[in-house]
Amino acid sequence: MAADNVASLFAPLEIGNITLPNRIVVSPMCQYSSEDGFANDWHLVHLGSRAAGGASLVITEATAVTAEGRISPRDLGLWKDEHIIPLKRIVDFLHGLGAFAGVQLAHAGRKASMSPPWMGERIMAVEEGGWDEVVAPSPIPFAPHYKQPTQLDEAGIKRIVEAFAQAARRAVLAGFDVIEIHAAHGYLLHEFLSPLSNHRSDTYGSSLENRLRFLMQVVDAVRDWWPEEKPLFVRISATDWADAGWNVQSSIALAAQLRLRKVDLIDVSSGGLVPGVKIPVGPGYQTHFSEQIRRHTGVLTGTVGMITEPAQADHILRTGQADLVLMAREFLRDPYWALHAADDLGQRIAWPVQYLRAAGGAVPSREPITADEAESLRLA
């Protein structure tokens, strides 16, 4: 059971066929820097610098499985084979830095075809690279200034399930170590889960079992291409923070089903489905959701949100609230957070050899330092 596997921030974790050297993960962060879904030098530097900074697993931003599934026209994609080679370049670079590489597969649903945040929150017109139709489980817009979505029919659902499957196939060819399926933050899969956005009366709506169906089909389709030994994560929003919405009890039921479908870890976030809700944001405000899911289901969990200090992250793991700590904004402020955290906590961690002088004599190894190494560093 995961609840018995309590460890520190710099303890290794075996998941599937990989062993993470620490519990620090770079959470997906949209960069809005792609053209036609292609990864470029910005993504290489953005992701690579966090791997150089000591994170054990670096996950791409939400990577769309269809062109119309992007949040904005500037999002990363994996909906065609041409996307594989630039992503493989990044994966190989991350591996060369000693980090594992993850890709988050996503579909934005009713929150698609919007502008990058620095352009203001507005619909992108077709002449700006946007598109006419966005889709959702029900024809309910996210907010008045978002597009009116088209309700997906069963044929459309099947097309998107197949798109996730084909993106998983491409992820294998790109060499990724981990896939994370994005079922959080009000995007398409989350929209099907929550009764606030899913008003269907067919086999994809109404009951909890029906509302889970689309995500379960996506998980099964991804697993058909993704090797059984490779880790599969699912990111969820544990609660909508809204009355009559998705809640932690539903998340526990979902996590139990996902575990049966060979999902290795639940990445637990919250919110994003409806605007204007009151969220008690503060340090570690979501960790209790991760802990509850972990304790009730035995599945490995990751936690995210307002985690900034090394002692805080270490405490989360030592007290059994999660198995991994995922961070986004803190890695934007400090790409080398993991290296600095190891120093703060008195832990040994491998610095890039190019940075050894700045590391004050650290060595690129997690094994005890030898006498020869000590002498060479003294003379350096």
Protein backbone atom coordinates (compact mmCIF):
# COMPACT_ATOMS: atom_id res chain seq x y z
CA MET A 1 0.00 0.00 0.00
CA ALA A 2 1.24 3.49 -0.79
CA ALA A 3 0.32 4.68 2.68
CA ASP A 4 3.05 2.49 4.18
CA ASN A 5 5.68 3.89 1.79
CA VAL A 6 6.70 7.02 3.69
CA ALA A 7 9.96 8.61 2.59
CA SER A 8 11.89 11.87 2.41
CA LEU A 9 12.29 14.37 -0.42
CA PHE A 10 15.54 12.83 -1.59
CA ALA A 11 14.61 9.17 -1.21
CA PRO A 12 14.37 7.24 -4.50
CA LEU A 13 10.99 6.04 -5.76
CA GLU A 14 10.46 3.07 -8.05
CA ILE A 15 7.48 3.45 -10.38
CA GLY A 16 7.07 0.89 -13.12
CA ASN A 17 10.35 0.45 -14.95
CA ILE A 18 11.97 3.65 -13.67
CA THR A 19 13.49 4.66 -10.35
CA LEU A 20 13.31 8.36 -9.63
CA PRO A 21 16.40 9.47 -7.69
CA ASN A 22 14.32 11.98 -5.69
CA ARG A 23 10.67 12.97 -5.23
CA ILE A 24 10.86 16.37 -6.97
CA VAL A 25 8.91 16.74 -10.22
CA VAL A 26 8.54 19.67 -12.60
CA SER A 27 4.80 20.11 -13.05
CA PRO A 28 3.39 20.89 -16.52
CA MET A 29 3.50 24.63 -17.25
CA CYS A 30 1.93 26.09 -20.39
CA GLN A 31 4.47 28.21 -22.26
CA TYR A 32 2.32 29.42 -25.18
CA SER A 33 5.41 29.37 -27.39
CA SER A 34 4.65 26.77 -30.09
CA GLU A 35 3.80 27.19 -33.76
CA ASP A 36 1.42 24.51 -35.07
CA GLY A 37 2.09 22.42 -31.96
CA PHE A 38 5.84 22.04 -32.54
CA ALA A 39 8.37 22.06 -29.70
CA ASN A 40 11.24 24.47 -30.25
CA ASP A 41 14.35 25.90 -28.59
CA TRP A 42 12.29 27.64 -25.91
CA HIS A 43 10.92 24.28 -24.74
CA LEU A 44 14.39 22.74 -24.85
CA VAL A 45 15.83 25.45 -22.61
CA HIS A 46 12.77 25.71 -20.34
CA LEU A 47 12.56 21.98 -19.66
CA GLY A 48 16.29 21.29 -19.85
CA SER A 49 17.21 23.92 -17.28
CA ARG A 50 14.91 22.29 -14.70
CA ALA A 51 16.55 18.92 -15.38
CA ALA A 52 19.96 20.54 -14.92
CA GLY A 53 18.53 21.94 -11.69
CA GLY A 54 18.11 18.50 -10.16
CA ALA A 55 14.46 17.55 -10.72
CA SER A 56 14.08 13.80 -11.17
CA LEU A 57 11.13 14.01 -13.60
CA VAL A 58 10.31 16.86 -15.97
CA ILE A 59 6.82 16.88 -17.53
CA THR A 60 5.91 18.89 -20.63
CA GLU A 61 3.13 21.39 -20.64
CA ALA A 62 -0.38 20.26 -21.61
CA THR A 63 0.28 18.65 -24.99
CA ALA A 64 -2.79 18.57 -27.20
CA VAL A 65 -3.94 15.33 -28.82
CA THR A 66 -5.84 17.25 -31.52
CA ALA A 67 -5.30 20.68 -33.05
CA GLU A 68 -8.73 21.77 -31.77
CA GLY A 69 -7.87 20.44 -28.31
CA ARG A 70 -5.35 23.21 -27.62
CA ILE A 71 -6.02 25.84 -25.00
CA SER A 72 -4.52 28.39 -27.38
CA PRO A 73 -3.03 28.32 -30.90
CA ARG A 74 0.40 28.54 -29.25
CA ASP A 75 0.15 25.25 -27.31
CA LEU A 76 2.37 22.22 -27.68
CA GLY A 77 0.91 19.27 -29.59
CA LEU A 78 1.33 15.60 -30.37
CA TRP A 79 -1.46 15.12 -32.89
CA LYS A 80 0.76 14.33 -35.88
CA ASP A 81 3.91 12.32 -36.46
CA GLU A 82 5.90 15.41 -37.43
CA HIS A 83 5.78 16.51 -33.78
CA ILE A 84 7.85 13.50 -32.67
CA ILE A 85 11.36 14.54 -33.74
CA PRO A 86 11.54 17.91 -31.92
CA LEU A 87 10.14 16.31 -28.79
CA LYS A 88 12.64 13.46 -29.03
CA ARG A 89 15.43 16.04 -29.09
CA ILE A 90 14.17 17.36 -25.75
CA VAL A 91 13.71 13.89 -24.27
CA ASP A 92 17.26 12.92 -25.22
CA PHE A 93 18.58 16.13 -23.66
CA LEU A 94 16.70 15.50 -20.40
CA HIS A 95 18.05 11.96 -20.29
CA GLY A 96 21.55 13.28 -20.82
CA LEU A 97 21.09 15.44 -17.73
CA GLY A 98 20.00 12.45 -15.66
CA ALA A 99 16.29 13.29 -15.54
CA PHE A 100 13.30 11.28 -16.69
CA ALA A 101 10.93 12.80 -19.26
CA GLY A 102 7.16 12.94 -19.04
CA VAL A 103 4.49 14.22 -21.41
CA GLN A 104 1.05 15.43 -20.35
CA LEU A 105 -1.59 14.51 -22.93
CA ALA A 106 -4.54 16.88 -22.95
CA HIS A 107 -7.67 18.17 -24.63
CA ALA A 108 -8.94 21.62 -23.61
CA GLY A 109 -12.62 20.98 -24.35
CA ARG A 110 -14.79 24.06 -23.81
CA LYS A 111 -11.75 26.10 -22.67
CA ALA A 112 -10.08 25.84 -26.11
CA SER A 113 -9.25 28.48 -28.76
CA MET A 114 -8.38 31.17 -26.20
CA SER A 115 -5.54 33.68 -26.21
CA PRO A 116 -2.20 33.37 -24.41
CA PRO A 117 -2.55 35.03 -21.00
CA TRP A 118 -0.46 38.09 -21.88
CA MET A 119 -2.97 38.94 -24.65
CA GLY A 120 -5.90 39.08 -22.26
CA GLU A 121 -8.46 36.34 -21.66
CA ARG A 122 -10.35 36.37 -24.95
CA ILE A 123 -11.44 34.08 -27.78
CA MET A 124 -8.90 33.79 -30.60
CA ALA A 125 -10.49 34.51 -33.97
CA VAL A 126 -9.89 32.20 -36.91
CA GLU A 127 -7.69 34.80 -38.62
CA GLU A 128 -5.52 34.84 -35.47
CA GLY A 129 -5.09 31.06 -35.52
CA GLY A 130 -8.17 30.10 -33.52
CA TRP A 131 -10.91 27.77 -34.73
CA ASP A 132 -14.66 27.83 -35.12
CA GLU A 133 -15.76 24.93 -32.92
CA VAL A 134 -14.90 23.83 -29.41
CA VAL A 135 -16.42 20.72 -27.87
CA ALA A 136 -17.70 19.64 -24.48
CA PRO A 137 -19.92 16.98 -22.89
CA SER A 138 -22.79 19.51 -22.84
CA PRO A 139 -23.34 22.86 -24.62
CA ILE A 140 -22.45 24.93 -21.55
CA PRO A 141 -19.72 27.59 -21.94
CA PHE A 142 -17.06 27.95 -19.26
CA ALA A 143 -17.85 31.65 -18.93
CA PRO A 144 -19.75 34.26 -20.98
CA HIS A 145 -16.58 35.41 -22.77
CA TYR A 146 -15.67 31.83 -23.84
CA LYS A 147 -16.96 30.03 -26.92
CA GLN A 148 -20.28 28.22 -26.86
CA PRO A 149 -19.25 24.55 -27.08
CA THR A 150 -20.76 21.88 -29.30
CA GLN A 151 -21.95 18.78 -27.46
CA LEU A 152 -19.85 15.78 -28.43
CA ASP A 153 -21.74 12.87 -29.95
CA GLU A 154 -20.51 9.30 -29.53
CA ALA A 155 -18.62 9.41 -32.82
CA GLY A 156 -16.80 12.53 -31.65
CA ILE A 157 -15.97 10.89 -28.33
CA LYS A 158 -14.52 7.88 -30.13
CA ARG A 159 -12.39 10.17 -32.34
CA ILE A 160 -10.90 11.85 -29.29
CA VAL A 161 -10.26 8.54 -27.53
CA GLU A 162 -8.37 7.42 -30.64
CA ALA A 163 -6.48 10.74 -30.68
CA PHE A 164 -5.23 10.06 -27.13
CA ALA A 165 -4.19 6.56 -28.24
CA GLN A 166 -2.25 7.86 -31.22
CA ALA A 167 -0.57 10.52 -29.10
CA ALA A 168 0.53 7.74 -26.74
CA ARG A 169 2.00 5.87 -29.71
CA ARG A 170 3.95 8.98 -30.67
CA ALA A 171 5.10 9.43 -27.05
CA VAL A 172 6.63 5.96 -27.22
CA LEU A 173 8.49 6.87 -30.41
CA ALA A 174 9.71 10.13 -28.84
CA GLY A 175 11.21 8.15 -25.96
CA PHE A 176 9.17 9.53 -23.07
CA ASP A 177 9.36 7.65 -19.76
CA VAL A 178 6.01 8.78 -18.31
CA ILE A 179 2.63 9.76 -19.72
CA GLU A 180 0.26 11.88 -17.67
CA ILE A 181 -3.35 12.11 -18.82
CA HIS A 182 -4.79 15.54 -18.01
CA ALA A 183 -8.22 15.12 -16.42
CA ALA A 184 -8.14 18.27 -14.27
CA HIS A 185 -8.56 22.05 -14.31
CA GLY A 186 -11.81 22.17 -16.22
CA TYR A 187 -10.51 20.68 -19.46
CA LEU A 188 -12.39 18.08 -21.48
CA LEU A 189 -11.93 14.94 -19.38
CA HIS A 190 -12.70 16.87 -16.19
CA GLU A 191 -15.76 18.34 -17.90
CA PHE A 192 -17.13 14.84 -18.36
CA LEU A 193 -16.45 13.96 -14.71
CA SER A 194 -18.26 16.86 -13.07
CA PRO A 195 -22.05 17.09 -12.90
CA LEU A 196 -21.70 20.88 -13.17
CA SER A 197 -20.48 20.63 -16.77
CA ASN A 198 -21.90 17.24 -17.79
CA HIS A 199 -25.69 17.33 -18.15
CA ARG A 200 -25.91 14.34 -20.46
CA SER A 201 -28.51 11.60 -20.07
CA ASP A 202 -26.77 8.97 -22.22
CA THR A 203 -24.08 6.45 -21.24
CA TYR A 204 -21.59 9.30 -20.71
CA GLY A 205 -23.68 11.27 -18.21
CA SER A 206 -25.89 11.33 -15.14
CA SER A 207 -24.50 8.59 -12.85
CA LEU A 208 -20.93 8.60 -11.54
CA GLU A 209 -20.22 5.40 -13.46
CA ASN A 210 -21.33 7.02 -16.71
CA ARG A 211 -19.41 10.24 -16.07
CA LEU A 212 -16.23 8.20 -15.53
CA ARG A 213 -16.69 6.29 -18.79
CA PHE A 214 -14.90 8.67 -21.17
CA LEU A 215 -11.80 8.91 -18.98
CA MET A 216 -11.73 5.13 -18.52
CA GLN A 217 -11.87 4.66 -22.29
CA VAL A 218 -9.01 7.13 -22.72
CA VAL A 219 -6.91 5.34 -20.09
CA ASP A 220 -7.54 1.95 -21.73
CA ALA A 221 -6.74 3.32 -25.19
CA VAL A 222 -3.51 4.91 -23.98
CA ARG A 223 -2.49 1.69 -22.22
CA ASP A 224 -3.02 -0.22 -25.47
CA TRP A 225 -0.02 1.70 -26.89
CA TRP A 226 1.87 2.64 -23.74
CA PRO A 227 3.98 -0.34 -22.52
CA GLU A 228 2.64 -1.89 -19.33
CA GLU A 229 5.96 -1.45 -17.54
CA LYS A 230 6.06 2.31 -18.21
CA PRO A 231 4.47 4.61 -15.63
CA LEU A 232 1.08 6.12 -16.38
CA PHE A 233 -0.15 9.10 -14.34
CA VAL A 234 -3.54 10.82 -14.33
CA ARG A 235 -3.93 14.40 -13.12
CA ILE A 236 -7.27 15.16 -11.48
CA SER A 237 -8.92 18.06 -9.73
CA ALA A 238 -9.92 16.58 -6.37
CA THR A 239 -12.75 19.10 -6.02
CA ASP A 240 -14.50 21.79 -8.03
CA TRP A 241 -14.76 23.92 -4.87
CA ALA A 242 -18.44 24.34 -5.76
CA ASP A 243 -21.70 23.00 -4.36
CA ALA A 244 -23.04 19.93 -6.18
CA GLY A 245 -19.80 19.61 -8.10
CA TRP A 246 -17.02 17.03 -8.25
CA ASN A 247 -15.60 16.37 -4.78
CA VAL A 248 -12.99 14.39 -2.90
CA GLN A 249 -15.32 11.42 -2.36
CA SER A 250 -15.79 11.16 -6.12
CA SER A 251 -12.03 11.48 -6.56
CA ILE A 252 -11.41 8.57 -4.19
CA ALA A 253 -13.87 6.43 -6.16
CA LEU A 254 -12.19 7.46 -9.41
CA ALA A 255 -8.69 6.76 -8.08
CA ALA A 256 -9.72 3.25 -7.05
CA GLN A 257 -10.97 2.57 -10.57
CA LEU A 258 -7.84 4.03 -12.15
CA ARG A 259 -5.64 1.82 -10.02
CA LEU A 260 -7.46 -1.22 -11.40
CA ARG A 261 -6.65 0.05 -14.90
CA LYS A 262 -2.89 0.07 -14.22
CA VAL A 263 -2.58 3.78 -13.53
CA ASP A 264 0.54 4.11 -11.39
CA LEU A 265 0.04 7.53 -9.79
CA ILE A 266 -2.70 10.12 -9.31
CA ASP A 267 -1.45 13.70 -9.61
CA VAL A 268 -3.84 15.59 -7.34
CA SER A 269 -4.71 19.21 -8.02
CA SER A 270 -8.08 21.01 -7.70
CA GLY A 271 -10.42 23.53 -9.25
CA GLY A 272 -10.56 25.02 -12.72
CA LEU A 273 -14.01 23.80 -13.75
CA VAL A 274 -16.10 26.86 -12.94
CA PRO A 275 -15.04 30.49 -12.51
CA GLY A 276 -15.58 32.63 -9.44
CA VAL A 277 -15.30 29.94 -6.76
CA LYS A 278 -13.64 30.66 -3.43
CA ILE A 279 -10.48 28.60 -3.01
CA PRO A 280 -8.59 28.75 0.31
CA VAL A 281 -5.21 29.19 -1.34
CA GLY A 282 -2.23 28.93 1.00
CA PRO A 283 0.92 26.87 1.53
CA GLY A 284 0.16 23.22 0.76
CA TYR A 285 -3.58 23.88 0.51
CA GLN A 286 -4.18 20.77 -1.65
CA THR A 287 -2.03 18.22 0.15
CA HIS A 288 -4.88 16.86 2.27
CA PHE A 289 -6.67 15.75 -0.91
CA SER A 290 -3.63 13.78 -2.01
CA GLU A 291 -3.34 12.25 1.46
CA GLN A 292 -6.99 11.14 1.52
CA ILE A 293 -6.80 9.53 -1.92
CA ARG A 294 -3.52 7.83 -1.00
CA ARG A 295 -4.86 6.53 2.33
CA HIS A 296 -8.22 5.27 1.04
CA THR A 297 -7.03 3.61 -2.19
CA GLY A 298 -3.36 2.69 -1.66
CA VAL A 299 -2.45 4.30 -4.98
CA LEU A 300 0.65 6.47 -5.27
CA THR A 301 -0.14 10.18 -5.34
CA GLY A 302 1.55 13.43 -6.22
CA THR A 303 0.64 16.79 -4.75
CA VAL A 304 0.95 20.31 -6.15
CA GLY A 305 0.12 23.88 -5.22
CA MET A 306 1.89 26.55 -3.14
CA ILE A 307 4.79 24.26 -2.25
CA THR A 308 7.85 26.50 -2.06
CA GLU A 309 10.18 25.54 0.79
CA PRO A 310 12.42 22.45 1.01
CA ALA A 311 11.39 21.68 4.60
CA GLN A 312 7.72 21.98 3.61
CA ALA A 313 8.13 19.56 0.69
CA ASP A 314 10.11 17.13 2.83
CA HIS A 315 7.44 17.27 5.55
CA ILE A 316 4.68 16.44 3.05
CA LEU A 317 6.47 13.23 2.11
CA ARG A 318 7.63 12.24 5.60
CA THR A 319 4.07 12.55 6.92
CA GLY A 320 2.62 10.40 4.16
CA GLN A 321 0.60 13.09 2.39
CA ALA A 322 2.01 12.17 -1.02
CA ASP A 323 4.69 10.17 -2.80
CA LEU A 324 5.84 12.95 -5.14
CA VAL A 325 5.90 16.73 -4.90
CA LEU A 326 5.19 18.57 -8.16
CA MET A 327 6.05 22.22 -8.50
CA ALA A 328 5.49 24.80 -11.21
CA ARG A 329 5.76 28.46 -10.20
CA GLU A 330 8.61 27.80 -7.78
CA PHE A 331 10.59 26.26 -10.64
CA LEU A 332 9.90 29.39 -12.70
CA ARG A 333 11.42 31.46 -9.90
CA ASP A 334 14.34 29.06 -9.38
CA PRO A 335 15.15 26.43 -12.05
CA TYR A 336 17.75 24.97 -9.65
CA TRP A 337 15.37 24.58 -6.74
CA ALA A 338 16.15 20.88 -6.26
CA LEU A 339 19.89 21.52 -6.01
CA HIS A 340 19.36 24.29 -3.49
CA ALA A 341 16.85 22.15 -1.55
CA ALA A 342 19.41 19.36 -1.24
CA ASP A 343 21.90 21.84 0.20
CA ASP A 344 19.31 23.20 2.65
CA LEU A 345 18.39 19.70 3.82
CA GLY A 346 21.96 18.42 3.95
CA GLN A 347 21.38 15.87 1.21
CA ARG A 348 23.81 14.70 -1.44
CA ILE A 349 22.69 15.29 -5.05
CA ALA A 350 24.43 15.27 -8.42
CA TRP A 351 25.23 18.72 -9.82
CA PRO A 352 25.99 19.04 -13.53
CA VAL A 353 29.75 18.69 -13.93
CA GLN A 354 29.84 22.11 -15.57
CA TYR A 355 28.62 23.66 -12.29
CA LEU A 356 30.85 21.83 -9.81
CA ARG A 357 32.88 24.88 -8.83
CA ALA A 358 29.70 26.78 -7.97
CA ALA A 359 28.52 23.76 -6.01
CA GLY A 360 31.36 24.14 -3.56
CA GLY A 361 32.93 20.80 -4.38
CA ALA A 362 29.87 18.63 -4.96
CA VAL A 363 30.48 15.59 -7.13
CA PRO A 364 28.25 14.16 -9.88
CA SER A 365 27.38 11.03 -7.94
CA ARG A 366 24.94 9.90 -5.30
CA GLU A 367 27.44 7.40 -3.89
CA PRO A 368 29.76 8.16 -0.96
CA ILE A 369 32.69 10.33 -2.00
CA THR A 370 35.99 8.52 -2.45
CA ALA A 371 39.40 9.68 -1.22
CA ASP A 372 40.54 10.31 -4.80
CA GLU A 373 37.46 12.43 -5.48
CA ALA A 374 38.03 14.42 -2.32
CA GLU A 375 41.63 15.11 -3.31
CA SER A 376 40.72 16.14 -6.85
CA LEU A 377 38.09 18.55 -5.56
CA ARG A 378 40.51 19.99 -3.02
CA LEU A 379 42.98 20.73 -5.82
CA ALA A 380 40.37 22.13 -8.23
